[in-house]
């Protein structure tokens, strides 16, 4: 199992820290400035070990050092960065599982590309990066360029046509539930059917694609919300459709 990874921002860009000792130092410095001796005490490491890691963090620009104005022999260390993201379970476990399966897909072009697609998404999230907002925006961009290929001009006909398209592209098996709030149910979802229960929905790109297609074809405002997902422990993905 990989160590906890934390991503910090600096003037030079983002830096990922995987070392448990370095992350411990940064976590303690986030609370307040500490002297070298205090860091040794709270981290429980030898002076030589602490010196190596502190020098690394200083060279990365993650930590600053200042001299006490009243006692120049005393030096304080402080945090010179912001924590952007932290790796999280069980997404990390899922990412590692996909990673280990990649060699078995060699020779299967579709399987290999599918593994890479899922690795990018789960990998980003395993390192604590929330990809949902960007993926939904990308989905809306995709939906806008796909919309002209659809012929339907009514909501019922369009949802039927979208369902057929979804299945023809291998994105999942779709059923439509009519009602005051129409619902799309997707089984065997390409995006997340192998995802364990991580307590959150995963299909933000699908939300964006569906929203844009409906808005472009019907000339309405539309909101698509995924309320159930393989990522929330369900055996399907469920989207609520609200048209304004």
Protein backbone atom coordinates (compact mmCIF):
# COMPACT_ATOMS: atom_id res chain seq x y z
CA UNK A 1 0.00 0.00 0.00
CA UNK A 2 1.28 3.45 -0.88
CA UNK A 3 2.09 6.03 1.78
CA UNK A 4 -0.20 9.01 2.22
CA UNK A 5 0.45 11.57 -0.51
CA UNK A 6 -0.18 15.27 0.03
CA UNK A 7 -0.04 17.92 -2.69
CA UNK A 8 1.18 21.42 -1.88
CA UNK A 9 1.26 24.62 -3.90
CA UNK A 10 4.39 26.73 -4.32
CA UNK A 11 5.44 29.65 -6.49
CA UNK A 12 6.97 27.08 -8.84
CA UNK A 13 3.82 24.96 -9.05
CA UNK A 14 2.39 21.91 -7.29
CA UNK A 15 4.60 19.46 -5.40
CA UNK A 16 3.52 15.98 -4.27
CA UNK A 17 5.04 14.77 -1.00
CA UNK A 18 4.93 11.03 -0.27
CA UNK A 19 7.50 10.84 2.54
CA UNK A 20 5.73 10.22 5.88
CA UNK A 21 8.41 12.20 7.73
CA UNK A 22 8.16 15.22 5.44
CA UNK A 23 4.37 15.18 5.65
CA UNK A 24 4.60 14.97 9.44
CA UNK A 25 6.90 18.02 9.50
CA UNK A 26 4.58 20.00 7.23
CA UNK A 27 1.51 19.06 9.28
CA UNK A 28 3.18 20.27 12.48
CA UNK A 29 4.42 23.48 10.89
CA UNK A 30 0.89 24.17 9.67
CA UNK A 31 -0.06 24.55 13.34
CA UNK A 32 2.71 27.01 14.28
CA UNK A 33 6.39 27.84 13.85
CA UNK A 34 8.74 25.37 15.51
CA UNK A 35 12.43 25.28 16.31
CA UNK A 36 14.69 22.48 15.11
CA UNK A 37 14.67 20.95 18.60
CA UNK A 38 10.88 21.11 18.81
CA UNK A 39 10.55 19.38 15.43
CA UNK A 40 12.84 16.58 16.61
CA UNK A 41 10.63 16.13 19.66
CA UNK A 42 7.24 16.12 17.90
CA UNK A 43 8.42 13.96 15.00
CA UNK A 44 10.50 11.57 17.08
CA UNK A 45 13.41 11.47 14.63
CA UNK A 46 17.19 11.76 14.98
CA UNK A 47 18.87 15.13 14.40
CA UNK A 48 20.60 13.90 11.24
CA UNK A 49 17.34 12.56 9.78
CA UNK A 50 15.46 15.75 10.62
CA UNK A 51 18.22 17.88 9.10
CA UNK A 52 18.07 16.01 5.78
CA UNK A 53 14.29 16.30 5.47
CA UNK A 54 14.19 19.95 6.53
CA UNK A 55 16.86 20.87 3.99
CA UNK A 56 14.85 19.09 1.29
CA UNK A 57 11.70 21.01 2.24
CA UNK A 58 13.61 24.30 2.30
CA UNK A 59 15.03 23.66 -1.18
CA UNK A 60 11.52 22.88 -2.47
CA UNK A 61 10.23 26.17 -1.12
CA UNK A 62 7.69 24.44 1.14
CA UNK A 63 9.29 25.65 4.38
CA UNK A 64 10.96 28.89 5.44
CA UNK A 65 13.57 29.51 8.14
CA UNK A 66 13.95 32.65 10.24
CA UNK A 67 16.35 33.69 12.97
CA UNK A 68 15.01 34.78 16.36
CA UNK A 69 15.63 38.54 16.61
CA UNK A 70 16.39 38.23 20.34
CA UNK A 71 18.61 35.15 20.10
CA UNK A 72 20.34 34.64 16.76
CA UNK A 73 21.35 31.13 17.77
CA UNK A 74 17.68 30.10 17.70
CA UNK A 75 16.09 29.39 14.32
CA UNK A 76 12.39 28.91 13.63
CA UNK A 77 10.85 26.96 10.78
CA UNK A 78 7.42 27.67 9.32
CA UNK A 79 5.10 26.59 6.53
CA UNK A 80 5.58 28.43 3.24
CA UNK A 81 2.86 26.67 1.25
CA UNK A 82 -0.80 25.67 1.12
CA UNK A 83 -2.10 22.11 1.22
CA UNK A 84 -4.11 21.50 -1.95
CA UNK A 85 -5.08 17.85 -1.68
CA UNK A 86 -4.47 14.58 0.13
CA UNK A 87 -4.74 11.01 -1.11
CA UNK A 88 -7.78 9.21 0.19
CA UNK A 89 -9.07 5.70 0.67
CA UNK A 90 -10.73 3.67 -0.78
CA UNK A 91 -10.06 5.49 -4.08
CA UNK A 92 -6.36 4.78 -3.61
CA UNK A 93 -7.07 1.06 -3.25
CA UNK A 94 -9.15 1.12 -6.44
CA UNK A 95 -6.41 3.01 -8.28
CA UNK A 96 -3.76 0.48 -7.20
CA UNK A 97 -6.02 -2.39 -8.29
CA UNK A 98 -6.43 -0.92 -11.79
CA UNK A 99 -2.71 -0.15 -11.96
CA UNK A 100 -1.80 -3.77 -11.22
CA UNK A 101 -4.20 -5.00 -13.93
CA UNK A 102 -2.67 -2.90 -16.74
CA UNK A 103 -0.04 -5.48 -17.88
CA UNK A 104 -2.80 -8.05 -18.42
CA UNK A 105 -4.48 -5.73 -20.98
CA UNK A 106 -1.46 -5.58 -23.30
CA UNK A 107 -2.57 -6.91 -26.68
CA UNK A 108 -6.15 -5.82 -26.06
CA UNK A 109 -6.25 -2.29 -27.46
CA UNK A 110 -9.71 -1.49 -26.09
CA UNK A 111 -8.94 -2.95 -22.68
CA UNK A 112 -5.62 -1.12 -22.46
CA UNK A 113 -7.14 2.26 -23.37
CA UNK A 114 -10.04 1.69 -20.98
CA UNK A 115 -7.58 0.98 -18.16
CA UNK A 116 -5.67 4.18 -18.93
CA UNK A 117 -8.91 6.19 -18.94
CA UNK A 118 -9.89 4.85 -15.53
CA UNK A 119 -6.35 5.32 -14.20
CA UNK A 120 -6.36 9.03 -14.99
CA UNK A 121 -9.65 9.60 -13.18
CA UNK A 122 -9.05 7.38 -10.15
CA UNK A 123 -5.39 8.38 -9.98
CA UNK A 124 -6.19 12.08 -9.74
CA UNK A 125 -8.80 11.41 -7.07
CA UNK A 126 -6.53 9.03 -5.15
CA UNK A 127 -4.12 11.96 -4.79
CA UNK A 128 -6.95 14.11 -3.49
CA UNK A 129 -7.75 16.13 -6.62
CA UNK A 130 -11.50 16.65 -7.12
CA UNK A 131 -11.98 16.14 -10.86
CA UNK A 132 -15.78 16.45 -10.84
CA UNK A 133 -16.16 20.17 -11.71
CA UNK A 134 -13.73 19.98 -14.64
CA UNK A 135 -15.19 16.70 -15.92
CA UNK A 136 -18.71 18.13 -15.85
CA UNK A 137 -17.57 21.16 -17.85
CA UNK A 138 -15.79 18.90 -20.35
CA UNK A 139 -18.95 16.80 -20.54
CA UNK A 140 -20.99 19.88 -21.43
CA UNK A 141 -18.47 20.72 -24.17
CA UNK A 142 -18.82 17.17 -25.54
CA UNK A 143 -22.61 17.37 -25.34
CA UNK A 144 -22.69 20.57 -27.38
CA UNK A 145 -20.69 19.07 -30.25
CA UNK A 146 -22.75 15.85 -30.17
CA UNK A 147 -26.15 17.57 -30.08
CA UNK A 148 -26.46 18.23 -33.85
CA UNK A 149 -26.41 14.48 -34.61
CA UNK A 150 -29.67 13.94 -32.70
CA UNK A 151 -32.92 14.34 -34.66
CA UNK A 152 -35.59 14.36 -31.93
CA UNK A 153 -37.41 17.58 -31.05
CA UNK A 154 -39.46 16.43 -28.04
CA UNK A 155 -38.24 15.41 -24.59
CA UNK A 156 -39.52 11.82 -24.77
CA UNK A 157 -38.12 11.20 -28.23
CA UNK A 158 -34.79 12.80 -27.36
CA UNK A 159 -34.34 10.69 -24.22
CA UNK A 160 -35.07 7.56 -26.25
CA UNK A 161 -32.54 8.60 -28.89
CA UNK A 162 -29.92 9.43 -26.24
CA UNK A 163 -30.50 6.02 -24.62
CA UNK A 164 -29.88 4.26 -27.93
CA UNK A 165 -26.73 6.32 -28.49
CA UNK A 166 -25.45 5.56 -24.97
CA UNK A 167 -25.82 1.83 -25.48
CA UNK A 168 -24.38 1.86 -29.01
CA UNK A 169 -21.20 3.50 -27.67
CA UNK A 170 -20.79 0.95 -24.88
CA UNK A 171 -21.44 3.49 -22.13
CA UNK A 172 -24.03 1.34 -20.37
CA UNK A 173 -27.55 -0.10 -20.59
CA UNK A 174 -30.12 2.66 -20.21
CA UNK A 175 -33.72 2.76 -19.05
CA UNK A 176 -35.94 5.82 -18.72
CA UNK A 177 -38.40 6.21 -15.85
CA UNK A 178 -41.09 8.79 -16.60
CA UNK A 179 -42.70 10.94 -13.91
CA UNK A 180 -42.76 14.45 -12.47
CA UNK A 181 -38.96 14.21 -12.41
CA UNK A 182 -37.84 11.97 -15.31
CA UNK A 183 -35.05 9.59 -14.37
CA UNK A 184 -32.29 7.87 -16.31
CA UNK A 185 -31.01 4.55 -14.95
CA UNK A 186 -27.70 3.25 -16.32
CA UNK A 187 -26.55 -0.32 -15.68
CA UNK A 188 -23.01 -1.53 -16.45
CA UNK A 189 -21.78 2.07 -16.53
CA UNK A 190 -18.53 2.35 -18.48
CA UNK A 191 -17.24 5.06 -16.18
CA UNK A 192 -17.76 3.51 -12.76
CA UNK A 193 -19.22 -0.03 -12.77
CA UNK A 194 -15.98 -1.40 -11.25
CA UNK A 195 -15.77 1.37 -8.65
CA UNK A 196 -16.06 0.34 -4.98
CA UNK A 197 -18.30 2.23 -2.58
CA UNK A 198 -16.40 5.46 -1.91
CA UNK A 199 -19.39 7.41 -0.66
CA UNK A 200 -19.73 9.73 -3.65
CA UNK A 201 -21.10 9.76 -7.18
CA UNK A 202 -18.65 9.51 -10.07
CA UNK A 203 -20.40 10.38 -13.33
CA UNK A 204 -20.02 14.15 -13.52
CA UNK A 205 -18.95 13.97 -17.18
CA UNK A 206 -22.13 12.06 -18.01
CA UNK A 207 -24.15 14.75 -16.20
CA UNK A 208 -22.55 17.41 -18.38
CA UNK A 209 -23.05 15.51 -21.66
CA UNK A 210 -26.73 14.88 -20.95
CA UNK A 211 -27.38 18.46 -19.82
CA UNK A 212 -25.85 20.00 -22.93
CA UNK A 213 -27.61 17.67 -25.39
CA UNK A 214 -31.01 18.38 -23.83
CA UNK A 215 -30.41 22.13 -23.66
CA UNK A 216 -29.14 22.37 -27.24
CA UNK A 217 -31.91 20.27 -28.79
CA UNK A 218 -34.90 21.45 -26.75
CA UNK A 219 -33.75 25.06 -26.21
CA UNK A 220 -34.39 24.86 -22.47
CA UNK A 221 -32.39 25.07 -19.27
CA UNK A 222 -31.64 21.67 -17.81
CA UNK A 223 -30.07 20.24 -14.67
CA UNK A 224 -28.90 16.63 -14.48
CA UNK A 225 -28.05 15.31 -11.01
CA UNK A 226 -26.65 11.86 -10.31
CA UNK A 227 -28.17 10.70 -7.03
CA UNK A 228 -27.14 7.03 -7.02
CA UNK A 229 -23.97 5.48 -8.39
CA UNK A 230 -21.70 2.45 -8.18
CA UNK A 231 -19.48 4.84 -6.22
CA UNK A 232 -22.22 5.20 -3.59
CA UNK A 233 -22.68 1.45 -3.23
CA UNK A 234 -25.56 1.05 -5.70
CA UNK A 235 -25.62 -1.37 -8.63
CA UNK A 236 -26.54 1.27 -11.20
CA UNK A 237 -26.25 4.99 -11.87
CA UNK A 238 -29.38 7.08 -11.41
CA UNK A 239 -29.77 10.57 -12.87
CA UNK A 240 -32.61 13.00 -12.14
CA UNK A 241 -33.61 15.29 -15.02
CA UNK A 242 -34.96 18.75 -14.24
CA UNK A 243 -36.03 20.96 -17.13
CA UNK A 244 -36.78 24.64 -16.54
